[in-house]
């Protein structure tokens, strides 16, 4: 999967939910160059993951969670979560373009993309979203409107993944935010091995009704 070929496919209108699923299964993920710009496909080396059995919740965050009145939900406001993530701090430079929002919203309707929301006094104050395939969860983006709201959502996400038999939490590219939770960089070849082991696992992010 070359970046050039997939940028051309995007211009031809082939950036679809099916193509995104194919990419994740092959170790790639999409990012737009701007709000309306072309979409490129990435498979970085090294790749950042959070080992689910080594997830670290900082002591200060544990204390904050005990004091907080925030509540956590799943898939209650996917559209709003991805919209907030797309805005970011510099909305004109976002990698979550309008086309990305459209396709991931379709993936959500298909039961493949999911959101975790943090609420305070009935207001959406933070959250994250990503894609679940087999026993792998691919974290895409998160946002906070109050301190630690996205962290609360991440803690809830990992608890859910562990309880439901997931094996891989892909966080794509290392940053200080995820490093505090135990994220590590691994070689791309090792990531592909972990991915191939996780995909055949029959895990369900939410119960089927």
N, C-alpha and C. Protein backbone atom coordinates (compact mmCIF):
# COMPACT_ATOMS: atom_id res chain seq x y z
N UNK A 1 0.85 -1.20 0.00
CA UNK A 1 0.00 0.00 0.00
C UNK A 1 0.88 1.25 0.00
N UNK A 2 1.04 1.87 -1.13
CA UNK A 2 1.86 3.07 -1.19
C UNK A 2 1.01 4.30 -0.92
N UNK A 3 1.63 5.30 -0.31
CA UNK A 3 0.89 6.53 -0.04
C UNK A 3 0.41 7.16 -1.33
N UNK A 4 1.25 7.16 -2.37
CA UNK A 4 0.88 7.80 -3.62
C UNK A 4 -0.37 7.16 -4.22
N UNK A 5 -0.40 5.83 -4.23
CA UNK A 5 -1.55 5.13 -4.81
C UNK A 5 -2.83 5.45 -4.07
N UNK A 6 -2.76 5.53 -2.75
CA UNK A 6 -3.98 5.76 -1.99
C UNK A 6 -4.40 7.22 -2.01
N UNK A 7 -3.47 8.13 -2.17
CA UNK A 7 -3.88 9.52 -2.39
C UNK A 7 -4.63 9.63 -3.71
N UNK A 8 -4.18 8.93 -4.73
CA UNK A 8 -4.88 8.94 -6.01
C UNK A 8 -6.26 8.32 -5.87
N UNK A 9 -6.33 7.20 -5.10
CA UNK A 9 -7.63 6.54 -4.89
C UNK A 9 -8.60 7.48 -4.19
N UNK A 10 -8.10 8.27 -3.26
CA UNK A 10 -8.98 9.22 -2.58
C UNK A 10 -9.56 10.23 -3.56
N UNK A 11 -8.74 10.73 -4.46
CA UNK A 11 -9.24 11.69 -5.44
C UNK A 11 -10.27 11.05 -6.37
N UNK A 12 -10.16 9.74 -6.54
CA UNK A 12 -11.12 9.04 -7.38
C UNK A 12 -12.38 8.63 -6.62
N UNK A 13 -12.50 9.10 -5.39
CA UNK A 13 -13.69 8.81 -4.60
C UNK A 13 -13.69 7.45 -3.96
N UNK A 14 -12.50 6.87 -3.75
CA UNK A 14 -12.41 5.52 -3.21
C UNK A 14 -11.99 5.49 -1.74
N UNK A 15 -12.11 6.63 -1.06
CA UNK A 15 -11.87 6.62 0.39
C UNK A 15 -13.18 6.20 1.04
N UNK A 16 -13.29 4.94 1.33
CA UNK A 16 -14.53 4.32 1.78
C UNK A 16 -14.32 3.60 3.10
N UNK A 17 -15.39 3.28 3.81
CA UNK A 17 -15.25 2.47 5.02
C UNK A 17 -14.52 1.15 4.76
N UNK A 18 -14.82 0.52 3.65
CA UNK A 18 -14.18 -0.76 3.33
C UNK A 18 -12.67 -0.59 3.13
N UNK A 19 -12.27 0.48 2.47
CA UNK A 19 -10.85 0.74 2.27
C UNK A 19 -10.14 1.02 3.59
N UNK A 20 -10.81 1.73 4.49
CA UNK A 20 -10.22 2.02 5.79
C UNK A 20 -10.02 0.73 6.59
N UNK A 21 -11.00 -0.15 6.59
CA UNK A 21 -10.86 -1.44 7.29
C UNK A 21 -9.71 -2.24 6.70
N UNK A 22 -9.61 -2.27 5.39
CA UNK A 22 -8.51 -2.97 4.71
C UNK A 22 -7.17 -2.41 5.16
N UNK A 23 -7.10 -1.08 5.28
CA UNK A 23 -5.85 -0.44 5.69
C UNK A 23 -5.46 -0.83 7.11
N UNK A 24 -6.40 -0.75 8.04
CA UNK A 24 -6.09 -1.13 9.42
C UNK A 24 -5.60 -2.56 9.49
N UNK A 25 -6.24 -3.45 8.76
CA UNK A 25 -5.84 -4.86 8.78
C UNK A 25 -4.44 -5.07 8.22
N UNK A 26 -3.97 -4.11 7.43
CA UNK A 26 -2.64 -4.20 6.83
C UNK A 26 -1.60 -3.38 7.59
N UNK A 27 -2.01 -2.72 8.68
CA UNK A 27 -1.07 -1.96 9.48
C UNK A 27 -0.99 -0.49 9.15
N UNK A 28 -1.93 0.02 8.36
CA UNK A 28 -1.94 1.42 7.97
C UNK A 28 -3.12 2.16 8.60
N UNK A 29 -3.02 3.48 8.64
CA UNK A 29 -4.15 4.32 9.05
C UNK A 29 -4.11 5.61 8.23
N UNK A 30 -5.27 6.25 8.04
CA UNK A 30 -5.35 7.45 7.21
C UNK A 30 -5.24 8.74 8.02
N UNK A 31 -4.68 9.76 7.39
CA UNK A 31 -4.67 11.11 7.95
C UNK A 31 -4.79 12.09 6.80
N UNK A 32 -5.65 13.08 6.97
CA UNK A 32 -5.78 14.13 5.96
C UNK A 32 -4.71 15.19 6.18
N UNK A 33 -4.36 15.88 5.12
CA UNK A 33 -3.35 16.93 5.23
C UNK A 33 -3.92 18.23 5.76
N UNK A 34 -5.23 18.40 5.65
CA UNK A 34 -5.89 19.61 6.15
C UNK A 34 -7.39 19.34 6.16
N UNK A 35 -8.15 20.33 6.53
CA UNK A 35 -9.60 20.17 6.61
C UNK A 35 -10.20 19.67 5.29
N UNK A 36 -9.70 20.16 4.17
CA UNK A 36 -10.23 19.76 2.86
C UNK A 36 -9.18 19.08 2.00
N UNK A 37 -8.02 18.75 2.58
CA UNK A 37 -6.90 18.26 1.79
C UNK A 37 -6.95 16.77 1.51
N UNK A 38 -5.99 16.29 0.71
CA UNK A 38 -5.91 14.87 0.37
C UNK A 38 -5.58 14.01 1.59
N UNK A 39 -5.88 12.74 1.49
CA UNK A 39 -5.67 11.80 2.58
C UNK A 39 -4.49 10.90 2.25
N UNK A 40 -3.57 10.78 3.19
CA UNK A 40 -2.43 9.88 3.04
C UNK A 40 -2.56 8.72 4.01
N UNK A 41 -1.81 7.66 3.74
CA UNK A 41 -1.86 6.45 4.55
C UNK A 41 -0.50 6.23 5.21
N UNK A 42 -0.51 5.91 6.50
CA UNK A 42 0.72 5.82 7.26
C UNK A 42 0.84 4.48 7.97
N UNK A 43 2.07 4.01 8.02
CA UNK A 43 2.40 2.83 8.82
C UNK A 43 3.77 3.09 9.44
N UNK A 44 3.80 3.88 10.52
CA UNK A 44 5.08 4.38 11.05
C UNK A 44 5.95 3.28 11.66
N UNK A 45 7.22 3.52 11.64
CA UNK A 45 8.20 2.65 12.28
C UNK A 45 9.16 3.53 13.06
N UNK A 46 9.09 3.51 14.40
CA UNK A 46 8.34 2.57 15.23
C UNK A 46 6.86 2.94 15.32
N UNK A 47 6.10 2.02 15.92
CA UNK A 47 4.66 2.19 16.12
C UNK A 47 4.39 2.24 17.63
N UNK A 48 3.52 3.15 18.06
CA UNK A 48 3.21 3.28 19.48
C UNK A 48 2.00 2.42 19.83
N UNK A 49 2.12 1.67 20.91
CA UNK A 49 1.01 0.90 21.46
C UNK A 49 0.98 1.09 22.97
N UNK A 50 -0.16 0.80 23.57
CA UNK A 50 -0.24 0.71 25.03
C UNK A 50 -0.48 -0.76 25.37
N UNK A 51 0.50 -1.45 25.96
CA UNK A 51 0.29 -2.84 26.36
C UNK A 51 -0.84 -2.91 27.39
N UNK A 52 -1.89 -3.62 27.05
CA UNK A 52 -3.09 -3.61 27.90
C UNK A 52 -2.83 -4.18 29.28
N UNK A 53 -1.90 -5.12 29.38
CA UNK A 53 -1.62 -5.71 30.69
C UNK A 53 -0.62 -4.90 31.50
N UNK A 54 -0.16 -3.79 30.93
CA UNK A 54 0.80 -2.94 31.64
C UNK A 54 0.30 -1.50 31.72
N UNK A 55 -0.98 -1.31 31.51
CA UNK A 55 -1.55 0.04 31.53
C UNK A 55 -1.33 0.68 32.90
N UNK A 56 -0.81 1.89 32.88
CA UNK A 56 -0.48 2.59 34.12
C UNK A 56 -1.38 3.80 34.31
N UNK A 57 -2.09 3.84 35.43
CA UNK A 57 -2.89 5.01 35.78
C UNK A 57 -2.11 5.81 36.83
N UNK A 58 -1.62 6.98 36.49
CA UNK A 58 -0.85 7.77 37.46
C UNK A 58 -1.63 7.98 38.76
N UNK A 59 -0.91 7.99 39.86
CA UNK A 59 -1.56 8.11 41.17
C UNK A 59 -2.38 9.38 41.28
N UNK A 60 -1.87 10.47 40.74
CA UNK A 60 -2.61 11.73 40.80
C UNK A 60 -3.93 11.63 40.05
N UNK A 61 -3.93 10.89 38.94
CA UNK A 61 -5.17 10.73 38.17
C UNK A 61 -6.16 9.85 38.93
N UNK A 62 -5.67 8.84 39.61
CA UNK A 62 -6.56 8.00 40.43
C UNK A 62 -7.29 8.85 41.48
N UNK A 63 -6.53 9.74 42.12
CA UNK A 63 -7.15 10.61 43.13
C UNK A 63 -8.17 11.54 42.49
N UNK A 64 -7.83 12.07 41.32
CA UNK A 64 -8.73 12.97 40.62
C UNK A 64 -10.02 12.26 40.22
N UNK A 65 -9.91 11.02 39.77
CA UNK A 65 -11.09 10.26 39.36
C UNK A 65 -12.00 9.99 40.55
N UNK A 66 -11.44 9.75 41.72
CA UNK A 66 -12.25 9.51 42.91
C UNK A 66 -13.02 10.75 43.32
N UNK A 67 -12.44 11.92 43.09
CA UNK A 67 -13.09 13.17 43.49
C UNK A 67 -14.09 13.65 42.44
N UNK A 68 -13.97 13.16 41.23
CA UNK A 68 -14.75 13.69 40.11
C UNK A 68 -16.19 13.20 40.13
N UNK A 69 -17.09 14.05 39.65
CA UNK A 69 -18.50 13.67 39.46
C UNK A 69 -18.79 13.31 38.00
N UNK A 70 -17.75 13.21 37.18
CA UNK A 70 -17.94 12.90 35.77
C UNK A 70 -18.49 11.48 35.59
N UNK A 71 -19.25 11.29 34.53
CA UNK A 71 -19.75 9.97 34.17
C UNK A 71 -19.22 9.62 32.78
N UNK A 72 -19.13 8.32 32.51
CA UNK A 72 -18.59 7.82 31.25
C UNK A 72 -19.66 7.03 30.52
N UNK A 73 -19.78 7.26 29.23
CA UNK A 73 -20.70 6.48 28.39
C UNK A 73 -19.94 5.97 27.17
N UNK A 74 -20.60 5.06 26.45
CA UNK A 74 -20.02 4.49 25.23
C UNK A 74 -21.01 4.65 24.09
N UNK A 75 -20.53 5.19 22.98
CA UNK A 75 -21.33 5.31 21.75
C UNK A 75 -22.62 6.13 21.92
N UNK A 76 -22.63 7.02 22.87
CA UNK A 76 -23.81 7.87 23.04
C UNK A 76 -23.74 9.11 22.16
N UNK A 77 -22.53 9.57 21.83
CA UNK A 77 -22.41 10.83 21.09
C UNK A 77 -21.22 10.78 20.14
N UNK A 78 -21.18 9.74 19.30
CA UNK A 78 -20.03 9.59 18.40
C UNK A 78 -19.85 10.82 17.51
N UNK A 79 -20.94 11.29 16.92
CA UNK A 79 -20.85 12.44 16.01
C UNK A 79 -20.23 13.65 16.70
N UNK A 80 -20.63 13.87 17.94
CA UNK A 80 -20.11 15.03 18.66
C UNK A 80 -18.64 14.84 19.05
N UNK A 81 -18.28 13.62 19.41
CA UNK A 81 -16.89 13.36 19.80
C UNK A 81 -15.96 13.56 18.61
N UNK A 82 -16.27 12.97 17.47
CA UNK A 82 -15.37 13.14 16.32
C UNK A 82 -15.36 14.59 15.86
N UNK A 83 -16.48 15.29 16.01
CA UNK A 83 -16.52 16.70 15.66
C UNK A 83 -15.61 17.53 16.56
N UNK A 84 -15.63 17.24 17.85
CA UNK A 84 -14.77 17.95 18.79
C UNK A 84 -13.30 17.63 18.52
N UNK A 85 -13.00 16.37 18.21
CA UNK A 85 -11.62 16.00 17.90
C UNK A 85 -11.14 16.69 16.63
N UNK A 86 -12.04 16.85 15.67
CA UNK A 86 -11.66 17.51 14.42
C UNK A 86 -11.33 18.99 14.62
N UNK A 87 -12.01 19.61 15.58
CA UNK A 87 -11.75 21.02 15.84
C UNK A 87 -10.34 21.21 16.40
N UNK A 88 -10.01 20.43 17.44
CA UNK A 88 -8.68 20.51 18.01
C UNK A 88 -8.31 21.91 18.44
N UNK A 89 -7.02 22.13 18.59
CA UNK A 89 -6.53 23.47 18.96
C UNK A 89 -6.35 24.34 17.72
N UNK A 90 -6.08 23.72 16.59
CA UNK A 90 -5.85 24.48 15.36
C UNK A 90 -6.70 23.86 14.26
N UNK A 91 -7.99 24.18 14.23
CA UNK A 91 -8.91 23.49 13.32
C UNK A 91 -8.53 23.59 11.85
N UNK A 92 -7.83 24.66 11.46
CA UNK A 92 -7.46 24.77 10.05
C UNK A 92 -6.38 23.76 9.67
N UNK A 93 -5.66 23.22 10.66
CA UNK A 93 -4.60 22.26 10.40
C UNK A 93 -4.98 20.84 10.78
N UNK A 94 -6.24 20.58 11.04
CA UNK A 94 -6.64 19.27 11.52
C UNK A 94 -6.36 18.19 10.50
N UNK A 95 -6.04 16.99 10.98
CA UNK A 95 -5.90 15.84 10.08
C UNK A 95 -7.22 15.08 9.95
N UNK A 96 -8.22 15.50 10.73
CA UNK A 96 -9.55 14.89 10.65
C UNK A 96 -10.39 15.75 9.73
N UNK A 97 -10.30 15.48 8.45
CA UNK A 97 -11.00 16.29 7.46
C UNK A 97 -12.48 15.96 7.44
N UNK A 98 -13.22 16.76 6.68
CA UNK A 98 -14.65 16.48 6.53
C UNK A 98 -14.89 15.09 5.95
N UNK A 99 -14.02 14.68 5.03
CA UNK A 99 -14.15 13.35 4.44
C UNK A 99 -13.87 12.25 5.45
N UNK A 100 -12.86 12.46 6.30
CA UNK A 100 -12.57 11.50 7.37
C UNK A 100 -13.77 11.39 8.30
N UNK A 101 -14.35 12.52 8.69
CA UNK A 101 -15.53 12.50 9.56
C UNK A 101 -16.65 11.69 8.92
N UNK A 102 -16.88 11.91 7.64
CA UNK A 102 -17.95 11.20 6.95
C UNK A 102 -17.73 9.68 6.97
N UNK A 103 -16.52 9.25 6.64
CA UNK A 103 -16.25 7.81 6.55
C UNK A 103 -16.27 7.16 7.93
N UNK A 104 -15.71 7.82 8.93
CA UNK A 104 -15.70 7.21 10.27
C UNK A 104 -17.11 7.20 10.88
N UNK A 105 -17.91 8.17 10.50
CA UNK A 105 -19.31 8.14 10.95
C UNK A 105 -20.02 6.95 10.32
N UNK A 106 -19.73 6.66 9.07
CA UNK A 106 -20.27 5.46 8.44
C UNK A 106 -19.78 4.20 9.15
N UNK A 107 -18.51 4.18 9.52
CA UNK A 107 -17.96 3.04 10.25
C UNK A 107 -18.65 2.86 11.60
N UNK A 108 -19.00 3.97 12.22
CA UNK A 108 -19.73 3.89 13.48
C UNK A 108 -21.10 3.26 13.26
N UNK A 109 -21.78 3.67 12.22
CA UNK A 109 -23.09 3.10 11.92
C UNK A 109 -23.00 1.61 11.60
N UNK A 110 -21.84 1.19 11.11
CA UNK A 110 -21.61 -0.22 10.80
C UNK A 110 -21.18 -1.02 12.02
N UNK A 111 -21.01 -0.35 13.17
CA UNK A 111 -20.60 -1.03 14.39
C UNK A 111 -19.11 -1.28 14.49
N UNK A 112 -18.30 -0.53 13.72
CA UNK A 112 -16.85 -0.73 13.69
C UNK A 112 -16.11 0.38 14.42
N UNK A 113 -16.54 1.62 14.28
CA UNK A 113 -15.95 2.74 15.00
C UNK A 113 -16.78 3.04 16.25
N UNK A 114 -16.09 3.41 17.33
CA UNK A 114 -16.76 3.59 18.62
C UNK A 114 -16.23 4.84 19.32
N UNK A 115 -17.04 5.36 20.21
CA UNK A 115 -16.63 6.51 21.02
C UNK A 115 -16.82 6.20 22.50
N UNK A 116 -16.00 6.84 23.32
CA UNK A 116 -16.16 6.84 24.77
C UNK A 116 -16.27 8.29 25.19
N UNK A 117 -17.32 8.62 25.93
CA UNK A 117 -17.61 10.02 26.26
C UNK A 117 -17.50 10.28 27.77
N UNK A 118 -17.02 11.46 28.09
CA UNK A 118 -16.97 11.93 29.48
C UNK A 118 -17.95 13.09 29.62
N UNK A 119 -18.81 13.01 30.63
CA UNK A 119 -19.85 14.02 30.86
C UNK A 119 -19.70 14.62 32.26
N UNK A 120 -20.01 15.90 32.34
CA UNK A 120 -20.07 16.58 33.64
C UNK A 120 -21.31 17.45 33.65
N UNK A 121 -22.20 17.18 34.60
CA UNK A 121 -23.45 17.93 34.72
C UNK A 121 -24.21 17.96 33.40
N UNK A 122 -24.24 16.83 32.72
CA UNK A 122 -24.99 16.71 31.48
C UNK A 122 -24.32 17.29 30.25
N UNK A 123 -23.10 17.80 30.40
CA UNK A 123 -22.38 18.38 29.27
C UNK A 123 -21.25 17.47 28.84
N UNK A 124 -21.06 17.33 27.54
CA UNK A 124 -19.96 16.55 27.00
C UNK A 124 -18.67 17.34 27.18
N UNK A 125 -17.75 16.81 27.99
CA UNK A 125 -16.54 17.55 28.32
C UNK A 125 -15.27 16.86 27.84
N UNK A 126 -15.40 15.67 27.28
CA UNK A 126 -14.22 14.97 26.80
C UNK A 126 -14.60 13.65 26.17
N UNK A 127 -13.64 13.04 25.51
CA UNK A 127 -13.92 11.74 24.93
C UNK A 127 -12.85 11.32 23.94
N UNK A 128 -13.06 10.16 23.36
CA UNK A 128 -12.14 9.62 22.37
C UNK A 128 -12.93 8.74 21.41
N UNK A 129 -12.30 8.43 20.29
CA UNK A 129 -12.92 7.49 19.36
C UNK A 129 -11.85 6.66 18.68
N UNK A 130 -12.27 5.52 18.15
CA UNK A 130 -11.34 4.64 17.46
C UNK A 130 -12.09 3.53 16.75
N UNK A 131 -11.35 2.59 16.24
CA UNK A 131 -11.88 1.49 15.44
C UNK A 131 -11.56 0.17 16.11
N UNK A 132 -12.54 -0.72 16.17
CA UNK A 132 -12.37 -2.05 16.76
C UNK A 132 -12.51 -3.11 15.68
N UNK A 133 -11.47 -3.93 15.53
CA UNK A 133 -11.48 -5.05 14.59
C UNK A 133 -10.91 -6.27 15.30
N UNK A 134 -11.69 -7.33 15.38
CA UNK A 134 -11.22 -8.51 16.10
C UNK A 134 -10.84 -8.16 17.52
N UNK A 135 -9.64 -8.53 17.93
CA UNK A 135 -9.16 -8.21 19.27
C UNK A 135 -8.23 -7.02 19.30
N UNK A 136 -8.34 -6.14 18.29
CA UNK A 136 -7.50 -4.94 18.22
C UNK A 136 -8.37 -3.69 18.26
N UNK A 137 -7.92 -2.70 19.00
CA UNK A 137 -8.58 -1.39 19.00
C UNK A 137 -7.55 -0.36 18.55
N UNK A 138 -7.93 0.44 17.57
CA UNK A 138 -7.05 1.44 16.98
C UNK A 138 -7.52 2.83 17.44
N UNK A 139 -6.84 3.39 18.41
CA UNK A 139 -7.22 4.69 18.93
C UNK A 139 -6.90 5.78 17.92
N UNK A 140 -7.87 6.66 17.69
CA UNK A 140 -7.69 7.69 16.69
C UNK A 140 -7.43 9.08 17.27
N UNK A 141 -8.31 9.56 18.13
CA UNK A 141 -8.13 10.91 18.65
C UNK A 141 -8.95 11.06 19.93
N UNK A 142 -8.61 12.09 20.70
CA UNK A 142 -9.35 12.40 21.92
C UNK A 142 -9.38 13.90 22.12
N UNK A 143 -10.28 14.35 22.99
CA UNK A 143 -10.37 15.78 23.28
C UNK A 143 -10.80 15.98 24.72
N UNK A 144 -10.50 17.16 25.24
CA UNK A 144 -10.92 17.54 26.60
C UNK A 144 -11.38 18.98 26.60
N UNK A 145 -12.47 19.22 27.30
CA UNK A 145 -12.93 20.59 27.54
C UNK A 145 -12.69 21.01 28.99
N UNK A 146 -12.40 20.03 29.83
CA UNK A 146 -11.97 20.30 31.21
C UNK A 146 -10.76 19.42 31.46
N UNK A 147 -9.92 19.76 32.46
CA UNK A 147 -8.73 18.95 32.71
C UNK A 147 -9.07 17.48 32.95
N UNK A 148 -8.30 16.61 32.30
CA UNK A 148 -8.32 15.16 32.51
C UNK A 148 -9.54 14.44 31.94
N UNK A 149 -10.44 15.13 31.26
CA UNK A 149 -11.65 14.46 30.76
C UNK A 149 -11.31 13.36 29.76
N UNK A 150 -10.34 13.61 28.87
CA UNK A 150 -9.97 12.57 27.92
C UNK A 150 -9.24 11.43 28.61
N UNK A 151 -8.53 11.74 29.70
CA UNK A 151 -7.84 10.70 30.45
C UNK A 151 -8.85 9.76 31.11
N UNK A 152 -9.92 10.33 31.63
CA UNK A 152 -10.98 9.50 32.22
C UNK A 152 -11.52 8.54 31.16
N UNK A 153 -11.73 9.05 29.96
CA UNK A 153 -12.25 8.20 28.88
C UNK A 153 -11.26 7.11 28.52
N UNK A 154 -9.98 7.42 28.51
CA UNK A 154 -8.96 6.42 28.18
C UNK A 154 -8.91 5.32 29.22
N UNK A 155 -8.99 5.68 30.50
CA UNK A 155 -8.99 4.67 31.56
C UNK A 155 -10.20 3.75 31.40
N UNK A 156 -11.34 4.32 31.09
CA UNK A 156 -12.54 3.51 30.88
C UNK A 156 -12.38 2.61 29.67
N UNK A 157 -11.79 3.14 28.59
CA UNK A 157 -11.56 2.35 27.39
C UNK A 157 -10.70 1.12 27.70
N UNK A 158 -9.60 1.32 28.37
CA UNK A 158 -8.70 0.20 28.65
C UNK A 158 -9.37 -0.84 29.54
N UNK A 159 -10.14 -0.38 30.51
CA UNK A 159 -10.88 -1.32 31.35
C UNK A 159 -11.83 -2.17 30.51
N UNK A 160 -12.50 -1.55 29.57
CA UNK A 160 -13.42 -2.27 28.68
C UNK A 160 -12.66 -3.26 27.80
N UNK A 161 -11.55 -2.83 27.24
CA UNK A 161 -10.79 -3.70 26.36
C UNK A 161 -10.27 -4.93 27.11
N UNK A 162 -9.77 -4.72 28.31
CA UNK A 162 -9.28 -5.85 29.10
C UNK A 162 -10.41 -6.80 29.47
N UNK A 163 -11.55 -6.25 29.84
CA UNK A 163 -12.68 -7.08 30.27
C UNK A 163 -13.25 -7.90 29.12
N UNK A 164 -13.09 -7.41 27.88
CA UNK A 164 -13.71 -8.06 26.74
C UNK A 164 -12.73 -8.84 25.87
N UNK A 165 -11.53 -9.04 26.36
CA UNK A 165 -10.60 -9.94 25.70
C UNK A 165 -9.77 -9.36 24.57
N UNK A 166 -9.66 -8.04 24.50
CA UNK A 166 -8.82 -7.43 23.48
C UNK A 166 -7.34 -7.66 23.78
N UNK A 167 -6.54 -7.69 22.72
CA UNK A 167 -5.11 -7.98 22.87
C UNK A 167 -4.21 -6.82 22.46
N UNK A 168 -4.74 -5.89 21.67
CA UNK A 168 -3.88 -4.83 21.13
C UNK A 168 -4.59 -3.49 21.20
N UNK A 169 -3.90 -2.50 21.77
CA UNK A 169 -4.37 -1.11 21.74
C UNK A 169 -3.33 -0.30 20.99
N UNK A 170 -3.65 0.03 19.75
CA UNK A 170 -2.76 0.78 18.88
C UNK A 170 -2.97 2.27 19.10
N UNK A 171 -1.90 2.97 19.42
CA UNK A 171 -1.99 4.42 19.61
C UNK A 171 -1.17 5.18 18.56
N UNK A 172 -0.67 4.45 17.58
CA UNK A 172 -0.10 5.00 16.34
C UNK A 172 1.23 5.71 16.53
N UNK A 173 1.22 6.93 17.07
CA UNK A 173 2.43 7.73 17.16
C UNK A 173 2.60 8.21 18.61
N UNK A 174 3.80 8.04 19.14
CA UNK A 174 4.07 8.35 20.55
C UNK A 174 3.95 9.85 20.82
N UNK A 175 3.37 10.17 21.99
CA UNK A 175 3.39 11.54 22.50
C UNK A 175 3.41 11.48 24.02
N UNK A 176 3.65 12.61 24.66
CA UNK A 176 3.77 12.64 26.12
C UNK A 176 2.48 12.24 26.81
N UNK A 177 1.34 12.52 26.18
CA UNK A 177 0.05 12.22 26.80
C UNK A 177 -0.12 10.73 27.02
N UNK A 178 0.19 9.92 26.01
CA UNK A 178 0.00 8.48 26.16
C UNK A 178 1.18 7.81 26.84
N UNK A 179 2.36 8.44 26.80
CA UNK A 179 3.53 7.84 27.44
C UNK A 179 3.32 7.66 28.94
N UNK A 180 2.59 8.58 29.57
CA UNK A 180 2.38 8.49 31.01
C UNK A 180 1.54 7.27 31.40
N UNK A 181 0.81 6.71 30.42
CA UNK A 181 -0.03 5.55 30.69
C UNK A 181 0.67 4.22 30.37
N UNK A 182 1.94 4.32 29.99
CA UNK A 182 2.69 3.11 29.69
C UNK A 182 2.87 2.81 28.23
N UNK A 183 2.56 3.77 27.36
CA UNK A 183 2.74 3.55 25.93
C UNK A 183 4.21 3.33 25.61
N UNK A 184 4.45 2.45 24.64
CA UNK A 184 5.82 2.14 24.22
C UNK A 184 5.89 2.15 22.70
N UNK A 185 7.06 2.44 22.20
CA UNK A 185 7.33 2.33 20.77
C UNK A 185 7.87 0.94 20.49
N UNK A 186 7.34 0.29 19.46
CA UNK A 186 7.85 -1.01 19.05
C UNK A 186 8.15 -0.98 17.56
N UNK A 187 9.07 -1.82 17.09
CA UNK A 187 9.35 -1.86 15.65
C UNK A 187 8.09 -2.23 14.86
N UNK A 188 8.01 -1.72 13.65
CA UNK A 188 6.84 -1.99 12.82
C UNK A 188 6.64 -3.49 12.62
N UNK A 189 7.72 -4.23 12.40
CA UNK A 189 7.61 -5.68 12.19
C UNK A 189 6.96 -6.37 13.40
N UNK A 190 7.32 -5.92 14.60
CA UNK A 190 6.72 -6.49 15.81
C UNK A 190 5.24 -6.11 15.90
N UNK A 191 4.93 -4.88 15.51
CA UNK A 191 3.54 -4.45 15.51
C UNK A 191 2.70 -5.33 14.60
N UNK A 192 3.20 -5.61 13.42
CA UNK A 192 2.46 -6.44 12.46
C UNK A 192 2.21 -7.83 13.04
N UNK A 193 3.18 -8.39 13.74
CA UNK A 193 3.00 -9.70 14.38
C UNK A 193 1.88 -9.63 15.42
N UNK A 194 1.90 -8.59 16.26
CA UNK A 194 0.85 -8.44 17.27
C UNK A 194 -0.52 -8.24 16.62
N UNK A 195 -0.54 -7.47 15.55
CA UNK A 195 -1.79 -7.22 14.83
C UNK A 195 -2.36 -8.52 14.26
N UNK A 196 -1.51 -9.31 13.64
CA UNK A 196 -1.97 -10.56 13.04
C UNK A 196 -2.48 -11.54 14.10
N UNK A 197 -1.95 -11.46 15.30
CA UNK A 197 -2.43 -12.32 16.38
C UNK A 197 -3.75 -11.81 16.95
N UNK A 198 -3.94 -10.50 16.93
CA UNK A 198 -5.14 -9.91 17.54
C UNK A 198 -6.36 -9.99 16.64
N UNK A 199 -6.18 -9.84 15.34
CA UNK A 199 -7.32 -9.73 14.43
C UNK A 199 -8.25 -10.95 14.45
N UNK A 200 -7.75 -12.19 14.56
CA UNK A 200 -8.67 -13.33 14.54
C UNK A 200 -9.50 -13.50 15.82
N UNK A 201 -9.16 -12.77 16.87
CA UNK A 201 -9.86 -12.92 18.15
C UNK A 201 -11.28 -12.37 18.03
N UNK A 202 -12.23 -13.09 18.57
CA UNK A 202 -13.63 -12.66 18.51
C UNK A 202 -13.97 -11.87 19.77
N UNK A 203 -13.68 -10.59 19.72
CA UNK A 203 -14.00 -9.69 20.85
C UNK A 203 -15.09 -8.73 20.39
N UNK A 204 -15.94 -8.35 21.32
CA UNK A 204 -17.05 -7.43 21.02
C UNK A 204 -16.90 -6.18 21.87
N UNK A 205 -16.83 -5.02 21.22
CA UNK A 205 -16.67 -3.78 21.96
C UNK A 205 -17.94 -3.44 22.73
N UNK A 206 -19.08 -3.73 22.13
CA UNK A 206 -20.38 -3.55 22.81
C UNK A 206 -21.20 -4.81 22.60
N UNK A 207 -22.14 -5.04 23.50
CA UNK A 207 -23.01 -6.20 23.37
C UNK A 207 -23.95 -5.99 22.20
N UNK A 208 -24.17 -7.03 21.46
CA UNK A 208 -25.10 -6.96 20.34
C UNK A 208 -26.51 -7.11 20.83
N UNK A 209 -27.36 -6.15 20.40
CA UNK A 209 -28.75 -6.20 20.82
C UNK A 209 -29.63 -6.99 19.88
